[in-house]
Amino acid sequence: METWGIRWSVRGYEASDRHAVLALLADGVLEHVYPAFFRALAYPDHLGVVLSVSMAGYVLGGSSYLQALLFGGAWAGLLYYCCHEVYQGYLQRRLGAAYPDTEGPESGLWVAEAEVGGRIQVVGVVAVRGKKGDAGGRERADDWMGGVQEEEEEEEEEEEEEEEGVVEWYGELPLMVVSYGCRRKGLGSLLAQKALDFCKGHGYASLVVDSSSPQTAANGLYQKLGFIQTASHCETHTNRWISKLARVDVLTLEKVI
């Protein structure tokens, strides 16, 4: 398929793609640290703290502008650390799991290739994971929270649902990344549509994705494709005070198919 004069080729994931996919994942996650930091720094209460500690440094340093700068910079550095900890921890949990974890007929994983610098490279990836149950009642943001339901608990819930005859499938979008140089050229929409088509073909009721507030471009794309935000919280795998200072909201968006 060709968009914006660039020819993309989307195919199923192969074992030889693992390194390229992990590199895309790492770049796609950590690039949000700086946007999250600047968003956190722009909050009025954080700006107030920066000004207060800078003034304290100025006074304690005997009218020293350098001391004021150091004190203010220390607070800004703490905010950056908190934002980095949120995304770095999320990345480590994703890399620490059995990856990719979308094997089986109910799930799928695809990569997009394009010619870059005279050679074919993996420039995008998207995954869908089929899940049983109600998307609205699922364990929220497992990867962000750093925990998932125990397998035994999931099996018990599935058995109960099967006995009641209310088993329903929905899709999760645990991974969708486009390399920086290939963005805003239609590839993100192409990969998202691939995931939606897969869910539709398997009879899934909806497709759900967990995102974060600094991911403005991705969130805009999801909304353009018809996803609606259904939940929001600020709990992550990190300590509560780190999450609170980072001001990163975890968003759940869903599209009914």
C-alpha atoms as a PDB file:
ATOM      1  CA  MET A   1       0.000   0.000   0.000  1.00  0.00           C
ATOM      2  CA  GLU A   2       1.207   3.501  -0.832  1.00  0.00           C
ATOM      3  CA  THR A   3       0.445   6.707   1.096  1.00  0.00           C
ATOM      4  CA  TRP A   4       2.119  10.095   0.814  1.00  0.00           C
ATOM      5  CA  GLY A   5       4.301   8.696  -1.951  1.00  0.00           C
ATOM      6  CA  ILE A   6       5.735   6.051   0.366  1.00  0.00           C
ATOM      7  CA  ARG A   7       5.087   2.361  -0.240  1.00  0.00           C
ATOM      8  CA  TRP A   8       4.369   0.398   2.919  1.00  0.00           C
ATOM      9  CA  SER A   9       4.291  -3.356   3.251  1.00  0.00           C
ATOM     10  CA  VAL A  10       2.418  -4.801   6.237  1.00  0.00           C
ATOM     11  CA  ARG A  11       3.029  -8.454   7.060  1.00  0.00           C
ATOM     12  CA  GLY A  12       2.869 -10.855   9.942  1.00  0.00           C
ATOM     13  CA  TYR A  13       5.546 -10.752  12.634  1.00  0.00           C
ATOM     14  CA  GLU A  14       8.504 -13.116  12.312  1.00  0.00           C
ATOM     15  CA  ALA A  15      11.072 -14.121  14.908  1.00  0.00           C
ATOM     16  CA  SER A  16      13.767 -12.189  13.026  1.00  0.00           C
ATOM     17  CA  ASP A  17      11.796  -8.963  13.637  1.00  0.00           C
ATOM     18  CA  ARG A  18      12.172  -9.132  17.410  1.00  0.00           C
ATOM     19  CA  HIS A  19      15.159  -6.795  17.713  1.00  0.00           C
ATOM     20  CA  ALA A  20      13.593  -4.152  15.451  1.00  0.00           C
ATOM     21  CA  VAL A  21      10.255  -4.359  17.267  1.00  0.00           C
ATOM     22  CA  LEU A  22      11.869  -4.005  20.704  1.00  0.00           C
ATOM     23  CA  ALA A  23      13.869  -1.012  19.460  1.00  0.00           C
ATOM     24  CA  LEU A  24      10.669   0.622  18.194  1.00  0.00           C
ATOM     25  CA  LEU A  25       8.983  -0.087  21.520  1.00  0.00           C
ATOM     26  CA  ALA A  26      11.838   1.442  23.536  1.00  0.00           C
ATOM     27  CA  ASP A  27      11.983   4.576  21.373  1.00  0.00           C
ATOM     28  CA  GLY A  28       8.203   4.906  21.340  1.00  0.00           C
ATOM     29  CA  VAL A  29       7.908   4.733  25.126  1.00  0.00           C
ATOM     30  CA  LEU A  30      10.875   6.836  26.234  1.00  0.00           C
ATOM     31  CA  GLU A  31      10.155   9.672  23.788  1.00  0.00           C
ATOM     32  CA  HIS A  32       7.265  10.670  26.065  1.00  0.00           C
ATOM     33  CA  VAL A  33       9.512  11.476  29.031  1.00  0.00           C
ATOM     34  CA  TYR A  34      10.269  15.040  27.916  1.00  0.00           C
ATOM     35  CA  PRO A  35       6.658  15.921  26.971  1.00  0.00           C
ATOM     36  CA  ALA A  36       5.529  14.548  30.336  1.00  0.00           C
ATOM     37  CA  PHE A  37       8.215  16.586  32.112  1.00  0.00           C
ATOM     38  CA  PHE A  38       7.253  19.861  30.440  1.00  0.00           C
ATOM     39  CA  ARG A  39       3.563  19.184  31.109  1.00  0.00           C
ATOM     40  CA  ALA A  40       4.296  18.529  34.775  1.00  0.00           C
ATOM     41  CA  LEU A  41       6.513  21.591  35.064  1.00  0.00           C
ATOM     42  CA  ALA A  42       3.761  23.784  33.576  1.00  0.00           C
ATOM     43  CA  TYR A  43       1.274  22.950  36.348  1.00  0.00           C
ATOM     44  CA  PRO A  44       0.655  26.069  38.493  1.00  0.00           C
ATOM     45  CA  ASP A  45       1.498  24.316  41.762  1.00  0.00           C
ATOM     46  CA  HIS A  46       4.792  23.011  40.374  1.00  0.00           C
ATOM     47  CA  LEU A  47       5.676  26.424  38.980  1.00  0.00           C
ATOM     48  CA  GLY A  48       4.886  27.877  42.388  1.00  0.00           C
ATOM     49  CA  VAL A  49       7.247  25.411  44.063  1.00  0.00           C
ATOM     50  CA  VAL A  50      10.023  26.225  41.574  1.00  0.00           C
ATOM     51  CA  LEU A  51       9.670  29.943  42.296  1.00  0.00           C
ATOM     52  CA  SER A  52       9.492  29.346  46.054  1.00  0.00           C
ATOM     53  CA  VAL A  53      12.567  27.140  46.269  1.00  0.00           C
ATOM     54  CA  SER A  54      14.454  29.485  43.941  1.00  0.00           C
ATOM     55  CA  MET A  55      13.638  32.389  46.223  1.00  0.00           C
ATOM     56  CA  ALA A  56      14.697  30.333  49.223  1.00  0.00           C
ATOM     57  CA  GLY A  57      17.998  29.562  47.535  1.00  0.00           C
ATOM     58  CA  TYR A  58      18.478  33.233  46.726  1.00  0.00           C
ATOM     59  CA  VAL A  59      17.923  34.258  50.344  1.00  0.00           C
ATOM     60  CA  LEU A  60      19.893  31.421  51.947  1.00  0.00           C
ATOM     61  CA  GLY A  61      22.749  31.989  49.541  1.00  0.00           C
ATOM     62  CA  GLY A  62      23.098  35.623  50.499  1.00  0.00           C
ATOM     63  CA  SER A  63      21.392  37.070  47.405  1.00  0.00           C
ATOM     64  CA  SER A  64      23.052  34.502  45.185  1.00  0.00           C
ATOM     65  CA  TYR A  65      21.429  34.035  41.785  1.00  0.00           C
ATOM     66  CA  LEU A  66      23.458  30.853  41.329  1.00  0.00           C
ATOM     67  CA  GLN A  67      22.011  29.411  44.525  1.00  0.00           C
ATOM     68  CA  ALA A  68      18.513  30.339  43.354  1.00  0.00           C
ATOM     69  CA  LEU A  69      19.146  28.602  40.042  1.00  0.00           C
ATOM     70  CA  LEU A  70      20.470  25.491  41.763  1.00  0.00           C
ATOM     71  CA  PHE A  71      17.487  25.235  44.109  1.00  0.00           C
ATOM     72  CA  GLY A  72      14.972  25.715  41.281  1.00  0.00           C
ATOM     73  CA  GLY A  73      16.882  23.292  39.082  1.00  0.00           C
ATOM     74  CA  ALA A  74      16.832  20.669  41.832  1.00  0.00           C
ATOM     75  CA  TRP A  75      13.032  20.708  41.908  1.00  0.00           C
ATOM     76  CA  ALA A  76      12.827  20.568  38.115  1.00  0.00           C
ATOM     77  CA  GLY A  77      15.282  17.665  38.193  1.00  0.00           C
ATOM     78  CA  LEU A  78      13.028  15.830  40.646  1.00  0.00           C
ATOM     79  CA  LEU A  79      10.058  16.250  38.302  1.00  0.00           C
ATOM     80  CA  TYR A  80      12.099  14.911  35.392  1.00  0.00           C
ATOM     81  CA  TYR A  81      13.167  11.906  37.464  1.00  0.00           C
ATOM     82  CA  CYS A  82       9.537  11.126  38.314  1.00  0.00           C
ATOM     83  CA  CYS A  83       8.439  11.300  34.663  1.00  0.00           C
ATOM     84  CA  HIS A  84      11.386   9.169  33.574  1.00  0.00           C
ATOM     85  CA  GLU A  85      10.634   6.628  36.299  1.00  0.00           C
ATOM     86  CA  VAL A  86       7.030   6.234  35.121  1.00  0.00           C
ATOM     87  CA  TYR A  87       7.945   5.501  31.488  1.00  0.00           C
ATOM     88  CA  GLN A  88      11.179   3.622  32.161  1.00  0.00           C
ATOM     89  CA  GLY A  89       9.403   1.356  34.610  1.00  0.00           C
ATOM     90  CA  TYR A  90       6.592   0.749  32.119  1.00  0.00           C
ATOM     91  CA  LEU A  91       9.149  -0.149  29.449  1.00  0.00           C
ATOM     92  CA  GLN A  92      11.016  -2.540  31.730  1.00  0.00           C
ATOM     93  CA  ARG A  93       7.817  -4.381  32.557  1.00  0.00           C
ATOM     94  CA  ARG A  94       6.981  -4.743  28.888  1.00  0.00           C
ATOM     95  CA  LEU A  95      10.479  -5.968  28.037  1.00  0.00           C
ATOM     96  CA  GLY A  96      10.561  -8.272  31.033  1.00  0.00           C
ATOM     97  CA  ALA A  97       7.453 -10.163  29.949  1.00  0.00           C
ATOM     98  CA  ALA A  98       7.442 -12.997  27.448  1.00  0.00           C
ATOM     99  CA  TYR A  99       7.561 -10.942  24.303  1.00  0.00           C
ATOM    100  CA  PRO A 100       5.771 -10.873  22.007  1.00  0.00           C
ATOM    101  CA  ASP A 101       2.792 -12.115  24.028  1.00  0.00           C
ATOM    102  CA  THR A 102       0.223 -12.136  21.226  1.00  0.00           C
ATOM    103  CA  GLU A 103       0.483 -15.694  19.964  1.00  0.00           C
ATOM    104  CA  GLY A 104      -2.574 -17.762  19.128  1.00  0.00           C
ATOM    105  CA  PRO A 105      -5.492 -17.513  16.702  1.00  0.00           C
ATOM    106  CA  GLU A 106      -7.288 -14.979  18.933  1.00  0.00           C
ATOM    107  CA  SER A 107      -4.417 -12.477  18.724  1.00  0.00           C
ATOM    108  CA  GLY A 108      -2.180 -10.975  16.058  1.00  0.00           C
ATOM    109  CA  LEU A 109       1.057  -9.079  15.564  1.00  0.00           C
ATOM    110  CA  TRP A 110       2.126  -7.290  12.380  1.00  0.00           C
ATOM    111  CA  VAL A 111       5.032  -5.140  11.249  1.00  0.00           C
ATOM    112  CA  ALA A 112       5.210  -2.470   8.553  1.00  0.00           C
ATOM    113  CA  GLU A 113       8.220  -2.265   6.255  1.00  0.00           C
ATOM    114  CA  ALA A 114       9.441   0.540   4.002  1.00  0.00           C
ATOM    115  CA  GLU A 115      12.589   1.428   2.135  1.00  0.00           C
ATOM    116  CA  VAL A 116      14.727   3.746   4.266  1.00  0.00           C
ATOM    117  CA  GLY A 117      18.172   4.803   3.086  1.00  0.00           C
ATOM    118  CA  GLY A 118      18.120   2.269   0.299  1.00  0.00           C
ATOM    119  CA  ARG A 119      17.248  -0.728   2.471  1.00  0.00           C
ATOM    120  CA  ILE A 120      14.047  -2.295   3.740  1.00  0.00           C
ATOM    121  CA  GLN A 121      13.463  -1.620   7.427  1.00  0.00           C
ATOM    122  CA  VAL A 122      10.734  -2.267   9.977  1.00  0.00           C
ATOM    123  CA  VAL A 123       9.157   1.153  10.581  1.00  0.00           C
ATOM    124  CA  GLY A 124       5.987   0.237  12.432  1.00  0.00           C
ATOM    125  CA  VAL A 125       4.347  -2.437  14.519  1.00  0.00           C
ATOM    126  CA  VAL A 126       0.849  -3.158  15.812  1.00  0.00           C
ATOM    127  CA  ALA A 127      -0.524  -5.946  17.987  1.00  0.00           C
ATOM    128  CA  VAL A 128      -3.952  -7.145  19.050  1.00  0.00           C
ATOM    129  CA  ARG A 129      -4.615  -9.422  21.991  1.00  0.00           C
ATOM    130  CA  GLY A 130      -7.983 -11.163  22.239  1.00  0.00           C
ATOM    131  CA  LYS A 131      -9.589 -11.167  25.681  1.00  0.00           C
ATOM    132  CA  LYS A 132     -12.716 -12.758  27.120  1.00  0.00           C
ATOM    133  CA  GLY A 133     -15.143 -10.733  29.186  1.00  0.00           C
ATOM    134  CA  ASP A 134     -16.476  -7.219  29.373  1.00  0.00           C
ATOM    135  CA  ALA A 135     -13.997  -4.562  28.230  1.00  0.00           C
ATOM    136  CA  GLY A 136     -15.541  -2.092  30.644  1.00  0.00           C
ATOM    137  CA  GLY A 137     -14.875  -4.372  33.606  1.00  0.00           C
ATOM    138  CA  ARG A 138     -11.340  -5.454  32.723  1.00  0.00           C
ATOM    139  CA  GLU A 139      -8.370  -5.024  34.978  1.00  0.00           C
ATOM    140  CA  ARG A 140      -7.384  -1.469  34.232  1.00  0.00           C
ATOM    141  CA  ALA A 141      -4.047  -0.631  32.621  1.00  0.00           C
ATOM    142  CA  ASP A 142      -2.249  -3.806  33.696  1.00  0.00           C
ATOM    143  CA  ASP A 143       1.051  -2.756  32.111  1.00  0.00           C
ATOM    144  CA  TRP A 144       0.945   0.631  33.797  1.00  0.00           C
ATOM    145  CA  MET A 145      -0.160  -0.758  37.133  1.00  0.00           C
ATOM    146  CA  GLY A 146       2.567  -3.382  37.104  1.00  0.00           C
ATOM    147  CA  GLY A 147       0.241  -6.248  37.821  1.00  0.00           C
ATOM    148  CA  VAL A 148      -2.107  -8.610  36.035  1.00  0.00           C
ATOM    149  CA  GLN A 149      -4.771 -11.005  37.156  1.00  0.00           C
ATOM    150  CA  GLU A 150      -3.531 -14.375  38.239  1.00  0.00           C
ATOM    151  CA  GLU A 151      -4.115 -17.050  35.606  1.00  0.00           C
ATOM    152  CA  GLU A 152      -6.201 -19.117  38.015  1.00  0.00           C
ATOM    153  CA  GLU A 153      -8.468 -16.146  38.726  1.00  0.00           C
ATOM    154  CA  GLU A 154      -8.889 -15.482  35.008  1.00  0.00           C
ATOM    155  CA  GLU A 155      -9.755 -19.141  34.338  1.00  0.00           C
ATOM    156  CA  GLU A 156     -12.313 -19.151  37.148  1.00  0.00           C
ATOM    157  CA  GLU A 157     -13.949 -15.992  35.823  1.00  0.00           C
ATOM    158  CA  GLU A 158     -14.041 -17.403  32.299  1.00  0.00           C
ATOM    159  CA  GLU A 159     -15.627 -20.641  33.528  1.00  0.00           C
ATOM    160  CA  GLU A 160     -18.291 -18.701  35.422  1.00  0.00           C
ATOM    161  CA  GLU A 161     -19.043 -16.578  32.363  1.00  0.00           C
ATOM    162  CA  GLU A 162     -19.259 -19.658  30.130  1.00  0.00           C
ATOM    163  CA  GLU A 163     -21.695 -21.298  32.549  1.00  0.00           C
ATOM    164  CA  GLU A 164     -23.834 -18.164  32.520  1.00  0.00           C
ATOM    165  CA  GLY A 165     -23.650 -17.992  28.729  1.00  0.00           C
ATOM    166  CA  VAL A 166     -22.425 -14.381  28.679  1.00  0.00           C
ATOM    167  CA  VAL A 167     -18.908 -14.856  27.310  1.00  0.00           C
ATOM    168  CA  GLU A 168     -17.904 -12.023  24.997  1.00  0.00           C
ATOM    169  CA  TRP A 169     -14.610 -11.273  23.315  1.00  0.00           C
ATOM    170  CA  TYR A 170     -12.949  -7.907  22.901  1.00  0.00           C
ATOM    171  CA  GLY A 171      -9.555  -6.850  21.623  1.00  0.00           C
ATOM    172  CA  GLU A 172      -6.728  -5.051  23.405  1.00  0.00           C
ATOM    173  CA  LEU A 173      -4.144  -2.975  21.561  1.00  0.00           C
ATOM    174  CA  PRO A 174      -1.026  -3.540  23.682  1.00  0.00           C
ATOM    175  CA  LEU A 175       1.378  -2.208  21.079  1.00  0.00           C
ATOM    176  CA  MET A 176       1.283   0.268  18.219  1.00  0.00           C
ATOM    177  CA  VAL A 177       4.408   2.233  17.319  1.00  0.00           C
ATOM    178  CA  VAL A 178       5.519   4.072  14.186  1.00  0.00           C
ATOM    179  CA  SER A 179       9.136   5.191  13.753  1.00  0.00           C
ATOM    180  CA  TYR A 180       9.623   8.948  14.063  1.00  0.00           C
ATOM    181  CA  GLY A 181      10.570   9.539  10.419  1.00  0.00           C
ATOM    182  CA  CYS A 182       7.431   7.814   9.128  1.00  0.00           C
ATOM    183  CA  ARG A 183       4.835   9.642  11.183  1.00  0.00           C
ATOM    184  CA  ARG A 184       2.080  11.904   9.871  1.00  0.00           C
ATOM    185  CA  LYS A 185       2.121   9.986   6.603  1.00  0.00           C
ATOM    186  CA  GLY A 186      -0.840   7.682   7.147  1.00  0.00           C
ATOM    187  CA  LEU A 187       1.018   4.656   8.493  1.00  0.00           C
ATOM    188  CA  GLY A 188      -0.462   4.962  11.980  1.00  0.00           C
ATOM    189  CA  SER A 189      -3.992   4.957  10.546  1.00  0.00           C
ATOM    190  CA  LEU A 190      -3.101   1.977   8.342  1.00  0.00           C
ATOM    191  CA  LEU A 191      -1.835  -0.076  11.294  1.00  0.00           C
ATOM    192  CA  ALA A 192      -4.791   0.874  13.479  1.00  0.00           C
ATOM    193  CA  GLN A 193      -7.175  -0.150  10.713  1.00  0.00           C
ATOM    194  CA  LYS A 194      -5.342  -3.477  10.450  1.00  0.00           C
ATOM    195  CA  ALA A 195      -6.074  -4.073  14.128  1.00  0.00           C
ATOM    196  CA  LEU A 196      -9.712  -3.041  13.761  1.00  0.00           C
ATOM    197  CA  ASP A 197     -10.193  -5.312  10.738  1.00  0.00           C
ATOM    198  CA  PHE A 198      -8.715  -8.223  12.704  1.00  0.00           C
ATOM    199  CA  CYS A 199     -11.119  -7.606  15.587  1.00  0.00           C
ATOM    200  CA  LYS A 200     -14.072  -7.294  13.233  1.00  0.00           C
ATOM    201  CA  GLY A 201     -13.118 -10.510  11.457  1.00  0.00           C
ATOM    202  CA  HIS A 202     -12.978 -12.365  14.789  1.00  0.00           C
ATOM    203  CA  GLY A 203     -16.294 -10.963  15.986  1.00  0.00           C
ATOM    204  CA  TYR A 204     -14.827  -8.933  18.847  1.00  0.00           C
ATOM    205  CA  ALA A 205     -17.237  -6.444  20.391  1.00  0.00           C
ATOM    206  CA  SER A 206     -14.686  -3.638  20.707  1.00  0.00           C
ATOM    207  CA  LEU A 207     -11.028  -2.661  20.648  1.00  0.00           C
ATOM    208  CA  VAL A 208      -9.471  -1.110  23.759  1.00  0.00           C
ATOM    209  CA  VAL A 209      -6.169   0.743  24.109  1.00  0.00           C
ATOM    210  CA  ASP A 210      -4.398   2.197  27.140  1.00  0.00           C
ATOM    211  CA  SER A 211      -2.526   5.427  26.513  1.00  0.00           C
ATOM    212  CA  SER A 212      -1.168   8.310  28.586  1.00  0.00           C
ATOM    213  CA  SER A 213      -1.909  12.018  28.645  1.00  0.00           C
ATOM    214  CA  PRO A 214       1.421  13.184  27.108  1.00  0.00           C
ATOM    215  CA  GLN A 215       0.783  11.032  24.014  1.00  0.00           C
ATOM    216  CA  THR A 216      -1.200  13.795  22.329  1.00  0.00           C
ATOM    217  CA  ALA A 217      -0.512  12.694  18.731  1.00  0.00           C
ATOM    218  CA  ALA A 218      -1.504   9.077  19.384  1.00  0.00           C
ATOM    219  CA  ASN A 219      -4.591  10.099  21.354  1.00  0.00           C
ATOM    220  CA  GLY A 220      -5.612  12.420  18.533  1.00  0.00           C
ATOM    221  CA  LEU A 221      -5.288   9.565  16.036  1.00  0.00           C
ATOM    222  CA  TYR A 222      -7.372   7.232  18.190  1.00  0.00           C
ATOM    223  CA  GLN A 223     -10.117   9.831  18.540  1.00  0.00           C
ATOM    224  CA  LYS A 224     -10.046  10.484  14.810  1.00  0.00           C
ATOM    225  CA  LEU A 225     -10.629   6.765  14.248  1.00  0.00           C
ATOM    226  CA  GLY A 226     -13.646   6.782  16.554  1.00  0.00           C
ATOM    227  CA  PHE A 227     -12.148   5.748  19.895  1.00  0.00           C
ATOM    228  CA  ILE A 228     -13.835   7.249  22.938  1.00  0.00           C
ATOM    229  CA  GLN A 229     -12.147   7.773  26.292  1.00  0.00           C
ATOM    230  CA  THR A 230     -13.875   5.561  28.850  1.00  0.00           C
ATOM    231  CA  ALA A 231     -11.616   5.873  31.891  1.00  0.00           C
ATOM    232  CA  SER A 232      -8.730   7.847  33.351  1.00  0.00           C
ATOM    233  CA  HIS A 233      -6.549   7.452  36.442  1.00  0.00           C
ATOM    234  CA  CYS A 234      -3.091   8.422  37.679  1.00  0.00           C
ATOM    235  CA  GLU A 235      -2.036   5.140  39.314  1.00  0.00           C
ATOM    236  CA  THR A 236       1.080   3.486  37.919  1.00  0.00           C
ATOM    237  CA  HIS A 237       3.581   0.852  39.038  1.00  0.00           C
ATOM    238  CA  THR A 238       5.708   3.559  40.711  1.00  0.00           C
ATOM    239  CA  ASN A 239       5.377   4.898  44.241  1.00  0.00           C
ATOM    240  CA  ARG A 240       2.297   7.046  44.686  1.00  0.00           C
ATOM    241  CA  TRP A 241       4.257  10.240  45.293  1.00  0.00           C
ATOM    242  CA  ILE A 242       6.222   9.705  42.055  1.00  0.00           C
ATOM    243  CA  SER A 243       3.016   9.250  40.078  1.00  0.00           C
ATOM    244  CA  LYS A 244       1.501  12.291  41.748  1.00  0.00           C
ATOM    245  CA  LEU A 245       4.465  14.525  40.925  1.00  0.00           C
ATOM    246  CA  ALA A 246       4.734  13.252  37.348  1.00  0.00           C
ATOM    247  CA  ARG A 247       1.062  14.112  36.689  1.00  0.00           C
ATOM    248  CA  VAL A 248       0.807  11.397  34.019  1.00  0.00           C
ATOM    249  CA  ASP A 249      -2.782  10.307  33.516  1.00  0.00           C
ATOM    250  CA  VAL A 250      -3.362   6.808  32.159  1.00  0.00           C
ATOM    251  CA  LEU A 251      -6.224   6.895  29.636  1.00  0.00           C
ATOM    252  CA  THR A 252      -8.403   4.052  28.417  1.00  0.00           C
ATOM    253  CA  LEU A 253      -9.949   4.497  24.978  1.00  0.00           C
ATOM    254  CA  GLU A 254     -12.406   2.134  23.343  1.00  0.00           C
ATOM    255  CA  LYS A 255     -13.974   1.747  19.923  1.00  0.00           C
ATOM    256  CA  VAL A 256     -17.110  -0.355  19.556  1.00  0.00           C
ATOM    257  CA  ILE A 257     -16.901  -2.502  16.436  1.00  0.00           C
END
